[in-house]
Amino acid sequence: FGSFPAKLNKIGFNVLAMDLRYKDIIARAGRFEQQ
């Protein structure tokens, strides 16, 4: 999400940007098709 959470927060929102549990196995999968 890059800088988007901070921008939302700046206009008054609480923001929770979270990883999902499959982050590591997706990162190890390689190319987009494999992911």
Full PDB file with SEQRES, HELIX, SHEET, SSBOND, CRYST1, ORIGX, SCALE, CONECT and MASTER records, all heavy atoms in Angstrom:
SEQRES   1 A   35  PHE GLY SER PHE PRO ALA LYS LEU ASN LYS ILE GLY PHE          
SEQRES   2 A   35  ASN VAL LEU ALA MET ASP LEU ARG TYR LYS ASP ILE ILE          
SEQRES   3 A   35  ALA ARG ALA GLY ARG PHE GLU GLN GLN                          
HELIX    1 AA1 PHE A    4  LYS A   10  1                                   7    
HELIX    2 AA2 LYS A   23  ALA A   29  1                                   7    
CRYST1    1.000    1.000    1.000  90.00  90.00  90.00 P 1           1          
ORIGX1      1.000000  0.000000  0.000000        0.00000                         
ORIGX2      0.000000  1.000000  0.000000        0.00000                         
ORIGX3      0.000000  0.000000  1.000000        0.00000                         
SCALE1      1.000000  0.000000  0.000000        0.00000                         
SCALE2      0.000000  1.000000  0.000000        0.00000                         
SCALE3      0.000000  0.000000  1.000000        0.00000                         
ATOM      1  N   PHE A   1       0.811  -1.219   0.000  1.00  0.00           N  
ATOM      2  CA  PHE A   1       0.000   0.000   0.000  1.00  0.00           C  
ATOM      3  C   PHE A   1       0.844   1.269   0.000  1.00  0.00           C  
ATOM      4  O   PHE A   1       0.304   2.376  -0.118  1.00  0.00           O  
ATOM      5  CB  PHE A   1      -0.940   0.008   1.210  1.00  0.00           C  
ATOM      6  CG  PHE A   1      -2.098  -0.932   1.073  1.00  0.00           C  
ATOM      7  CD1 PHE A   1      -2.112  -2.147   1.736  1.00  0.00           C  
ATOM      8  CD2 PHE A   1      -3.168  -0.610   0.255  1.00  0.00           C  
ATOM      9  CE1 PHE A   1      -3.178  -3.027   1.607  1.00  0.00           C  
ATOM     10  CE2 PHE A   1      -4.251  -1.478   0.119  1.00  0.00           C  
ATOM     11  CZ  PHE A   1      -4.247  -2.694   0.790  1.00  0.00           C  
ATOM     12  N   GLY A   2       2.163   1.140   0.134  1.00  0.00           N  
ATOM     13  CA  GLY A   2       3.041   2.302   0.061  1.00  0.00           C  
ATOM     14  C   GLY A   2       2.699   3.353   1.098  1.00  0.00           C  
ATOM     15  O   GLY A   2       2.535   3.058   2.288  1.00  0.00           O  
ATOM     16  N   SER A   3       2.547   4.593   0.639  1.00  0.00           N  
ATOM     17  CA  SER A   3       2.282   5.721   1.544  1.00  0.00           C  
ATOM     18  C   SER A   3       0.793   5.941   1.798  1.00  0.00           C  
ATOM     19  O   SER A   3       0.414   6.854   2.535  1.00  0.00           O  
ATOM     20  CB  SER A   3       2.882   7.006   0.965  1.00  0.00           C  
ATOM     21  OG  SER A   3       2.286   7.326  -0.287  1.00  0.00           O  
ATOM     22  N   PHE A   4      -0.047   5.116   1.206  1.00  0.00           N  
ATOM     23  CA  PHE A   4      -1.498   5.302   1.328  1.00  0.00           C  
ATOM     24  C   PHE A   4      -1.993   5.273   2.775  1.00  0.00           C  
ATOM     25  O   PHE A   4      -2.822   6.110   3.152  1.00  0.00           O  
ATOM     26  CB  PHE A   4      -2.222   4.253   0.486  1.00  0.00           C  
ATOM     27  CG  PHE A   4      -3.717   4.386   0.472  1.00  0.00           C  
ATOM     28  CD1 PHE A   4      -4.318   5.553   0.023  1.00  0.00           C  
ATOM     29  CD2 PHE A   4      -4.524   3.346   0.908  1.00  0.00           C  
ATOM     30  CE1 PHE A   4      -5.697   5.685   0.013  1.00  0.00           C  
ATOM     31  CE2 PHE A   4      -5.904   3.458   0.904  1.00  0.00           C  
ATOM     32  CZ  PHE A   4      -6.497   4.630   0.449  1.00  0.00           C  
ATOM     33  N   PRO A   5      -1.521   4.344   3.631  1.00  0.00           N  
ATOM     34  CA  PRO A   5      -1.998   4.351   5.021  1.00  0.00           C  
ATOM     35  C   PRO A   5      -1.745   5.675   5.740  1.00  0.00           C  
ATOM     36  O   PRO A   5      -2.623   6.182   6.456  1.00  0.00           O  
ATOM     37  CB  PRO A   5      -1.205   3.207   5.671  1.00  0.00           C  
ATOM     38  CG  PRO A   5      -0.864   2.294   4.545  1.00  0.00           C  
ATOM     39  CD  PRO A   5      -0.623   3.195   3.372  1.00  0.00           C  
ATOM     40  N   ALA A   6      -0.566   6.237   5.549  1.00  0.00           N  
ATOM     41  CA  ALA A   6      -0.237   7.505   6.208  1.00  0.00           C  
ATOM     42  C   ALA A   6      -1.133   8.636   5.701  1.00  0.00           C  
ATOM     43  O   ALA A   6      -1.528   9.520   6.470  1.00  0.00           O  
ATOM     44  CB  ALA A   6       1.229   7.843   5.978  1.00  0.00           C  
ATOM     45  N   LYS A   7      -1.465   8.606   4.419  1.00  0.00           N  
ATOM     46  CA  LYS A   7      -2.337   9.648   3.856  1.00  0.00           C  
ATOM     47  C   LYS A   7      -3.751   9.546   4.426  1.00  0.00           C  
ATOM     48  O   LYS A   7      -4.383  10.569   4.722  1.00  0.00           O  
ATOM     49  CB  LYS A   7      -2.351   9.533   2.338  1.00  0.00           C  
ATOM     50  CG  LYS A   7      -1.029   9.905   1.685  1.00  0.00           C  
ATOM     51  CD  LYS A   7      -1.060   9.705   0.181  1.00  0.00           C  
ATOM     52  CE  LYS A   7       0.278  10.081  -0.456  1.00  0.00           C  
ATOM     53  NZ  LYS A   7       0.288   9.868  -1.924  1.00  0.00           N  
ATOM     54  N   LEU A   8      -4.241   8.320   4.564  1.00  0.00           N  
ATOM     55  CA  LEU A   8      -5.561   8.138   5.187  1.00  0.00           C  
ATOM     56  C   LEU A   8      -5.549   8.624   6.628  1.00  0.00           C  
ATOM     57  O   LEU A   8      -6.484   9.282   7.094  1.00  0.00           O  
ATOM     58  CB  LEU A   8      -5.944   6.658   5.156  1.00  0.00           C  
ATOM     59  CG  LEU A   8      -6.653   6.094   3.939  1.00  0.00           C  
ATOM     60  CD1 LEU A   8      -6.927   4.615   4.138  1.00  0.00           C  
ATOM     61  CD2 LEU A   8      -7.947   6.842   3.648  1.00  0.00           C  
ATOM     62  N   ASN A   9      -4.494   8.298   7.331  1.00  0.00           N  
ATOM     63  CA  ASN A   9      -4.372   8.699   8.729  1.00  0.00           C  
ATOM     64  C   ASN A   9      -4.333  10.222   8.862  1.00  0.00           C  
ATOM     65  O   ASN A   9      -4.905  10.795   9.801  1.00  0.00           O  
ATOM     66  CB  ASN A   9      -3.128   8.064   9.325  1.00  0.00           C  
ATOM     67  CG  ASN A   9      -2.909   8.442  10.774  1.00  0.00           C  
ATOM     68  OD1 ASN A   9      -1.897   9.036  11.125  1.00  0.00           O  
ATOM     69  ND2 ASN A   9      -3.852   8.091  11.645  1.00  0.00           N  
ATOM     70  N   LYS A  10      -3.700  10.868   7.921  1.00  0.00           N  
ATOM     71  CA  LYS A  10      -3.543  12.324   7.989  1.00  0.00           C  
ATOM     72  C   LYS A  10      -4.880  13.048   7.922  1.00  0.00           C  
ATOM     73  O   LYS A  10      -5.024  14.148   8.464  1.00  0.00           O  
ATOM     74  CB  LYS A  10      -2.624  12.801   6.866  1.00  0.00           C  
ATOM     75  CG  LYS A  10      -2.223  14.258   6.983  1.00  0.00           C  
ATOM     76  CD  LYS A  10      -1.190  14.642   5.937  1.00  0.00           C  
ATOM     77  CE  LYS A  10      -0.746  16.079   6.100  1.00  0.00           C  
ATOM     78  NZ  LYS A  10       0.288  16.459   5.095  1.00  0.00           N  
ATOM     79  N   ILE A  11      -5.880  12.455   7.286  1.00  0.00           N  
ATOM     80  CA  ILE A  11      -7.191  13.102   7.212  1.00  0.00           C  
ATOM     81  C   ILE A  11      -8.154  12.596   8.283  1.00  0.00           C  
ATOM     82  O   ILE A  11      -9.358  12.830   8.212  1.00  0.00           O  
ATOM     83  CB  ILE A  11      -7.818  12.971   5.816  1.00  0.00           C  
ATOM     84  CG1 ILE A  11      -8.015  11.503   5.420  1.00  0.00           C  
ATOM     85  CG2 ILE A  11      -6.994  13.699   4.780  1.00  0.00           C  
ATOM     86  CD1 ILE A  11      -8.819  11.319   4.139  1.00  0.00           C  
ATOM     87  N   GLY A  12      -7.628  11.866   9.270  1.00  0.00           N  
ATOM     88  CA  GLY A  12      -8.437  11.592  10.446  1.00  0.00           C  
ATOM     89  C   GLY A  12      -8.804  10.158  10.727  1.00  0.00           C  
ATOM     90  O   GLY A  12      -9.504   9.876  11.706  1.00  0.00           O  
ATOM     91  N   PHE A  13      -8.337   9.211   9.913  1.00  0.00           N  
ATOM     92  CA  PHE A  13      -8.700   7.818  10.122  1.00  0.00           C  
ATOM     93  C   PHE A  13      -7.674   7.069  10.966  1.00  0.00           C  
ATOM     94  O   PHE A  13      -6.469   7.303  10.840  1.00  0.00           O  
ATOM     95  CB  PHE A  13      -8.809   7.081   8.782  1.00  0.00           C  
ATOM     96  CG  PHE A  13      -9.923   7.545   7.903  1.00  0.00           C  
ATOM     97  CD1 PHE A  13      -9.676   8.410   6.849  1.00  0.00           C  
ATOM     98  CD2 PHE A  13     -11.219   7.124   8.124  1.00  0.00           C  
ATOM     99  CE1 PHE A  13     -10.695   8.848   6.037  1.00  0.00           C  
ATOM    100  CE2 PHE A  13     -12.253   7.557   7.307  1.00  0.00           C  
ATOM    101  CZ  PHE A  13     -11.997   8.427   6.261  1.00  0.00           C  
ATOM    102  N   ASN A  14      -8.133   6.162  11.797  1.00  0.00           N  
ATOM    103  CA  ASN A  14      -7.277   5.088  12.266  1.00  0.00           C  
ATOM    104  C   ASN A  14      -7.040   4.163  11.079  1.00  0.00           C  
ATOM    105  O   ASN A  14      -7.972   3.859  10.328  1.00  0.00           O  
ATOM    106  CB  ASN A  14      -7.972   4.278  13.366  1.00  0.00           C  
ATOM    107  CG  ASN A  14      -8.238   5.070  14.629  1.00  0.00           C  
ATOM    108  OD1 ASN A  14      -7.349   5.254  15.449  1.00  0.00           O  
ATOM    109  ND2 ASN A  14      -9.472   5.545  14.784  1.00  0.00           N  
ATOM    110  N   VAL A  15      -5.820   3.699  10.905  1.00  0.00           N  
ATOM    111  CA  VAL A  15      -5.523   2.812   9.776  1.00  0.00           C  
ATOM    112  C   VAL A  15      -4.721   1.618  10.284  1.00  0.00           C  
ATOM    113  O   VAL A  15      -3.724   1.783  10.995  1.00  0.00           O  
ATOM    114  CB  VAL A  15      -4.727   3.535   8.674  1.00  0.00           C  
ATOM    115  CG1 VAL A  15      -4.475   2.594   7.496  1.00  0.00           C  
ATOM    116  CG2 VAL A  15      -5.457   4.788   8.202  1.00  0.00           C  
ATOM    117  N   LEU A  16      -5.164   0.426   9.908  1.00  0.00           N  
ATOM    118  CA  LEU A  16      -4.425  -0.798  10.226  1.00  0.00           C  
ATOM    119  C   LEU A  16      -4.109  -1.508   8.917  1.00  0.00           C  
ATOM    120  O   LEU A  16      -4.998  -2.055   8.264  1.00  0.00           O  
ATOM    121  CB  LEU A  16      -5.242  -1.711  11.143  1.00  0.00           C  
ATOM    122  CG  LEU A  16      -4.546  -3.001  11.581  1.00  0.00           C  
ATOM    123  CD1 LEU A  16      -3.337  -2.688  12.457  1.00  0.00           C  
ATOM    124  CD2 LEU A  16      -5.508  -3.921  12.313  1.00  0.00           C  
ATOM    125  N   ALA A  17      -2.838  -1.459   8.518  1.00  0.00           N  
ATOM    126  CA  ALA A  17      -2.371  -2.182   7.333  1.00  0.00           C  
ATOM    127  C   ALA A  17      -1.715  -3.469   7.812  1.00  0.00           C  
ATOM    128  O   ALA A  17      -0.769  -3.428   8.602  1.00  0.00           O  
ATOM    129  CB  ALA A  17      -1.374  -1.333   6.546  1.00  0.00           C  
ATOM    130  N   MET A  18      -2.208  -4.603   7.356  1.00  0.00           N  
ATOM    131  CA  MET A  18      -1.772  -5.875   7.924  1.00  0.00           C  
ATOM    132  C   MET A  18      -1.325  -6.858   6.846  1.00  0.00           C  
ATOM    133  O   MET A  18      -1.840  -6.881   5.736  1.00  0.00           O  
ATOM    134  CB  MET A  18      -2.901  -6.500   8.733  1.00  0.00           C  
ATOM    135  CG  MET A  18      -4.170  -6.780   7.933  1.00  0.00           C  
ATOM    136  SD  MET A  18      -5.514  -7.494   8.948  1.00  0.00           S  
ATOM    137  CE  MET A  18      -4.824  -9.095   9.366  1.00  0.00           C  
ATOM    138  N   ASP A  19      -0.334  -7.664   7.223  1.00  0.00           N  
ATOM    139  CA  ASP A  19       0.028  -8.819   6.408  1.00  0.00           C  
ATOM    140  C   ASP A  19      -1.046  -9.887   6.575  1.00  0.00           C  
ATOM    141  O   ASP A  19      -1.695  -9.976   7.626  1.00  0.00           O  
ATOM    142  CB  ASP A  19       1.367  -9.418   6.837  1.00  0.00           C  
ATOM    143  CG  ASP A  19       2.553  -8.527   6.520  1.00  0.00           C  
ATOM    144  OD1 ASP A  19       2.413  -7.602   5.696  1.00  0.00           O  
ATOM    145  OD2 ASP A  19       3.631  -8.760   7.107  1.00  0.00           O  
ATOM    146  N   LEU A  20      -1.204 -10.717   5.554  1.00  0.00           N  
ATOM    147  CA  LEU A  20      -2.004 -11.928   5.683  1.00  0.00           C  
ATOM    148  C   LEU A  20      -1.059 -13.121   5.831  1.00  0.00           C  
ATOM    149  O   LEU A  20       0.108 -13.058   5.450  1.00  0.00           O  
ATOM    150  CB  LEU A  20      -2.922 -12.099   4.474  1.00  0.00           C  
ATOM    151  CG  LEU A  20      -3.981 -10.997   4.310  1.00  0.00           C  
ATOM    152  CD1 LEU A  20      -4.742 -11.172   3.007  1.00  0.00           C  
ATOM    153  CD2 LEU A  20      -4.938 -10.969   5.496  1.00  0.00           C  
ATOM    154  N   ARG A  21      -1.547 -14.193   6.381  1.00  0.00           N  
ATOM    155  CA  ARG A  21      -0.704 -15.309   6.807  1.00  0.00           C  
ATOM    156  C   ARG A  21       0.072 -15.993   5.675  1.00  0.00           C  
ATOM    157  O   ARG A  21       1.022 -16.719   5.939  1.00  0.00           O  
ATOM    158  CB  ARG A  21      -1.536 -16.341   7.548  1.00  0.00           C  
ATOM    159  CG  ARG A  21      -2.582 -17.051   6.685  1.00  0.00           C  
ATOM    160  CD  ARG A  21      -3.312 -18.110   7.497  1.00  0.00           C  
ATOM    161  NE  ARG A  21      -3.957 -17.520   8.666  1.00  0.00           N  
ATOM    162  CZ  ARG A  21      -4.154 -18.187   9.797  1.00  0.00           C  
ATOM    163  NH1 ARG A  21      -3.782 -19.453   9.907  1.00  0.00           N  
ATOM    164  NH2 ARG A  21      -4.748 -17.593  10.823  1.00  0.00           N  
ATOM    165  N   TYR A  22      -0.321 -15.763   4.436  1.00  0.00           N  
ATOM    166  CA  TYR A  22       0.359 -16.452   3.343  1.00  0.00           C  
ATOM    167  C   TYR A  22       1.487 -15.627   2.726  1.00  0.00           C  
ATOM    168  O   TYR A  22       2.034 -15.996   1.686  1.00  0.00           O  
ATOM    169  CB  TYR A  22      -0.658 -16.835   2.268  1.00  0.00           C  
ATOM    170  CG  TYR A  22      -1.766 -17.718   2.778  1.00  0.00           C  
ATOM    171  CD1 TYR A  22      -3.097 -17.426   2.523  1.00  0.00           C  
ATOM    172  CD2 TYR A  22      -1.472 -18.851   3.544  1.00  0.00           C  
ATOM    173  CE1 TYR A  22      -4.121 -18.237   3.003  1.00  0.00           C  
ATOM    174  CE2 TYR A  22      -2.494 -19.658   4.037  1.00  0.00           C  
ATOM    175  CZ  TYR A  22      -3.818 -19.348   3.755  1.00  0.00           C  
ATOM    176  OH  TYR A  22      -4.812 -20.154   4.238  1.00  0.00           O  
ATOM    177  N   LYS A  23       1.855 -14.533   3.362  1.00  0.00           N  
ATOM    178  CA  LYS A  23       2.866 -13.646   2.805  1.00  0.00           C  
ATOM    179  C   LYS A  23       4.174 -14.377   2.472  1.00  0.00           C  
ATOM    180  O   LYS A  23       4.723 -14.222   1.378  1.00  0.00           O  
ATOM    181  CB  LYS A  23       3.148 -12.498   3.782  1.00  0.00           C  
ATOM    182  CG  LYS A  23       4.281 -11.574   3.339  1.00  0.00           C  
ATOM    183  CD  LYS A  23       4.552 -10.501   4.380  1.00  0.00           C  
ATOM    184  CE  LYS A  23       5.759  -9.666   4.026  1.00  0.00           C  
ATOM    185  NZ  LYS A  23       6.020  -8.621   5.039  1.00  0.00           N  
ATOM    186  N   ASP A  24       4.691 -15.158   3.402  1.00  0.00           N  
ATOM    187  CA  ASP A  24       5.996 -15.796   3.204  1.00  0.00           C  
ATOM    188  C   ASP A  24       5.960 -16.843   2.100  1.00  0.00           C  
ATOM    189  O   ASP A  24       6.882 -16.926   1.278  1.00  0.00           O  
ATOM    190  CB  ASP A  24       6.488 -16.414   4.513  1.00  0.00           C  
ATOM    191  CG  ASP A  24       6.876 -15.356   5.536  1.00  0.00           C  
ATOM    192  OD1 ASP A  24       7.087 -14.194   5.136  1.00  0.00           O  
ATOM    193  OD2 ASP A  24       6.967 -15.688   6.733  1.00  0.00           O  
ATOM    194  N   ILE A  25       4.915 -17.662   2.060  1.00  0.00           N  
ATOM    195  CA  ILE A  25       4.885 -18.698   1.027  1.00  0.00           C  
ATOM    196  C   ILE A  25       4.656 -18.097  -0.356  1.00  0.00           C  
ATOM    197  O   ILE A  25       5.138 -18.631  -1.357  1.00  0.00           O  
ATOM    198  CB  ILE A  25       3.832 -19.786   1.327  1.00  0.00           C  
ATOM    199  CG1 ILE A  25       2.419 -19.214   1.319  1.00  0.00           C  
ATOM    200  CG2 ILE A  25       4.111 -20.470   2.637  1.00  0.00           C  
ATOM    201  CD1 ILE A  25       1.351 -20.292   1.407  1.00  0.00           C  
ATOM    202  N   ILE A  26       3.967 -16.976  -0.416  1.00  0.00           N  
ATOM    203  CA  ILE A  26       3.785 -16.300  -1.703  1.00  0.00           C  
ATOM    204  C   ILE A  26       5.105 -15.696  -2.168  1.00  0.00           C  
ATOM    205  O   ILE A  26       5.468 -15.782  -3.347  1.00  0.00           O  
ATOM    206  CB  ILE A  26       2.702 -15.209  -1.593  1.00  0.00           C  
ATOM    207  CG1 ILE A  26       1.342 -15.846  -1.309  1.00  0.00           C  
ATOM    208  CG2 ILE A  26       2.649 -14.377  -2.860  1.00  0.00           C  
ATOM    209  CD1 ILE A  26       0.876 -16.838  -2.334  1.00  0.00           C  
ATOM    210  N   ALA A  27       5.837 -15.108  -1.237  1.00  0.00           N  
ATOM    211  CA  ALA A  27       7.130 -14.511  -1.594  1.00  0.00           C  
ATOM    212  C   ALA A  27       8.092 -15.568  -2.133  1.00  0.00           C  
ATOM    213  O   ALA A  27       8.906 -15.294  -3.020  1.00  0.00           O  
ATOM    214  CB  ALA A  27       7.726 -13.812  -0.377  1.00  0.00           C  
ATOM    215  N   ARG A  28       8.011 -16.786  -1.603  1.00  0.00           N  
ATOM    216  CA  ARG A  28       8.889 -17.862  -2.050  1.00  0.00           C  
ATOM    217  C   ARG A  28       8.432 -18.503  -3.366  1.00  0.00           C  
ATOM    218  O   ARG A  28       9.180 -19.266  -3.977  1.00  0.00           O  
ATOM    219  CB  ARG A  28       8.980 -18.946  -0.971  1.00  0.00           C  
ATOM    220  CG  ARG A  28       9.671 -18.497   0.314  1.00  0.00           C  
ATOM    221  CD  ARG A  28      10.034 -19.693   1.186  1.00  0.00           C  
ATOM    222  NE  ARG A  28       8.854 -20.449   1.604  1.00  0.00           N  
ATOM    223  CZ  ARG A  28       8.196 -20.242   2.749  1.00  0.00           C  
ATOM    224  NH1 ARG A  28       8.592 -19.274   3.576  1.00  0.00           N  
ATOM    225  NH2 ARG A  28       7.152 -20.980   3.072  1.00  0.00           N  
ATOM    226  N   ALA A  29       7.220 -18.187  -3.781  1.00  0.00           N  
ATOM    227  CA  ALA A  29       6.659 -18.857  -4.963  1.00  0.00           C  
ATOM    228  C   ALA A  29       7.308 -18.401  -6.266  1.00  0.00           C  
ATOM    229  O   ALA A  29       7.252 -19.101  -7.269  1.00  0.00           O  
ATOM    230  CB  ALA A  29       5.152 -18.631  -5.021  1.00  0.00           C  
ATOM    231  N   GLY A  30       7.888 -17.202  -6.267  1.00  0.00           N  
ATOM    232  CA  GLY A  30       8.586 -16.738  -7.470  1.00  0.00           C  
ATOM    233  C   GLY A  30       7.749 -15.820  -8.336  1.00  0.00           C  
ATOM    234  O   GLY A  30       7.207 -14.825  -7.852  1.00  0.00           O  
ATOM    235  N   ARG A  31       7.591 -16.152  -9.605  1.00  0.00           N  
ATOM    236  CA  ARG A  31       6.913 -15.304 -10.571  1.00  0.00           C  
ATOM    237  C   ARG A  31       5.429 -15.183 -10.250  1.00  0.00           C  
ATOM    238  O   ARG A  31       4.864 -15.991  -9.499  1.00  0.00           O  
ATOM    239  CB  ARG A  31       7.103 -15.864 -11.984  1.00  0.00           C  
ATOM    240  CG  ARG A  31       8.560 -15.882 -12.443  1.00  0.00           C  
ATOM    241  CD  ARG A  31       8.695 -16.693 -13.718  1.00  0.00           C  
ATOM    242  NE  ARG A  31       7.925 -16.098 -14.806  1.00  0.00           N  
ATOM    243  CZ  ARG A  31       8.407 -15.195 -15.653  1.00  0.00           C  
ATOM    244  NH1 ARG A  31       9.660 -14.787 -15.537  1.00  0.00           N  
ATOM    245  NH2 ARG A  31       7.660 -14.715 -16.618  1.00  0.00           N  
ATOM    246  N   PHE A  32       4.798 -14.168 -10.863  1.00  0.00           N  
ATOM    247  CA  PHE A  32       3.394 -13.902 -10.597  1.00  0.00           C  
ATOM    248  C   PHE A  32       2.514 -15.124 -10.838  1.00  0.00           C  
ATOM    249  O   PHE A  32       1.614 -15.421 -10.056  1.00  0.00           O  
ATOM    250  CB  PHE A  32       2.901 -12.734 -11.456  1.00  0.00           C  
ATOM    251  CG  PHE A  32       1.408 -12.565 -11.429  1.00  0.00           C  
ATOM    252  CD1 PHE A  32       0.773 -12.079 -10.299  1.00  0.00           C  
ATOM    253  CD2 PHE A  32       0.627 -12.926 -12.531  1.00  0.00           C  
ATOM    254  CE1 PHE A  32      -0.608 -11.942 -10.262  1.00  0.00           C  
ATOM    255  CE2 PHE A  32      -0.745 -12.793 -12.499  1.00  0.00           C  
ATOM    256  CZ  PHE A  32      -1.365 -12.295 -11.364  1.00  0.00           C  
ATOM    257  N   GLU A  33       2.749 -15.830 -11.909  1.00  0.00           N  
ATOM    258  CA  GLU A  33       1.922 -16.986 -12.228  1.00  0.00           C  
ATOM    259  C   GLU A  33       1.972 -18.026 -11.115  1.00  0.00           C  
ATOM    260  O   GLU A  33       0.953 -18.628 -10.743  1.00  0.00           O  
ATOM    261  CB  GLU A  33       2.357 -17.610 -13.560  1.00  0.00           C  
ATOM    262  CG  GLU A  33       2.109 -16.753 -14.783  1.00  0.00           C  
ATOM    263  CD  GLU A  33       3.123 -15.637 -14.963  1.00  0.00           C  
ATOM    264  OE1 GLU A  33       4.140 -15.640 -14.218  1.00  0.00           O  
ATOM    265  OE2 GLU A  33       2.911 -14.771 -15.828  1.00  0.00           O  
ATOM    266  N   GLN A  34       3.182 -18.262 -10.596  1.00  0.00           N  
ATOM    267  CA  GLN A  34       3.350 -19.225  -9.509  1.00  0.00           C  
ATOM    268  C   GLN A  34       2.719 -18.708  -8.213  1.00  0.00           C  
ATOM    269  O   GLN A  34       2.142 -19.478  -7.425  1.00  0.00           O  
ATOM    270  CB  GLN A  34       4.837 -19.533  -9.280  1.00  0.00           C  
ATOM    271  CG  GLN A  34       5.469 -20.456 -10.320  1.00  0.00           C  
ATOM    272  CD  GLN A  34       5.654 -19.774 -11.676  1.00  0.00           C  
ATOM    273  OE1 GLN A  34       6.069 -18.607 -11.718  1.00  0.00           O  
ATOM    274  NE2 GLN A  34       5.353 -20.481 -12.754  1.00  0.00           N  
ATOM    275  N   GLN A  35       2.826 -17.400  -7.996  1.00  0.00           N  
ATOM    276  CA  GLN A  35       2.206 -16.812  -6.814  1.00  0.00           C  
ATOM    277  C   GLN A  35       0.689 -16.981  -6.852  1.00  0.00           C  
ATOM    278  O   GLN A  35       0.066 -17.347  -5.842  1.00  0.00           O  
ATOM    279  CB  GLN A  35       2.567 -15.333  -6.707  1.00  0.00           C  
ATOM    280  CG  GLN A  35       4.032 -15.070  -6.406  1.00  0.00           C  
ATOM    281  CD  GLN A  35       4.322 -13.589  -6.261  1.00  0.00           C  
ATOM    282  OE1 GLN A  35       3.455 -12.750  -6.458  1.00  0.00           O  
ATOM    283  NE2 GLN A  35       5.559 -13.269  -5.934  1.00  0.00           N  
TER     284      GLN A  35                                                      
MASTER        0    0    0    2    0    0    0    6  283    1    0    3          
END                                                                             
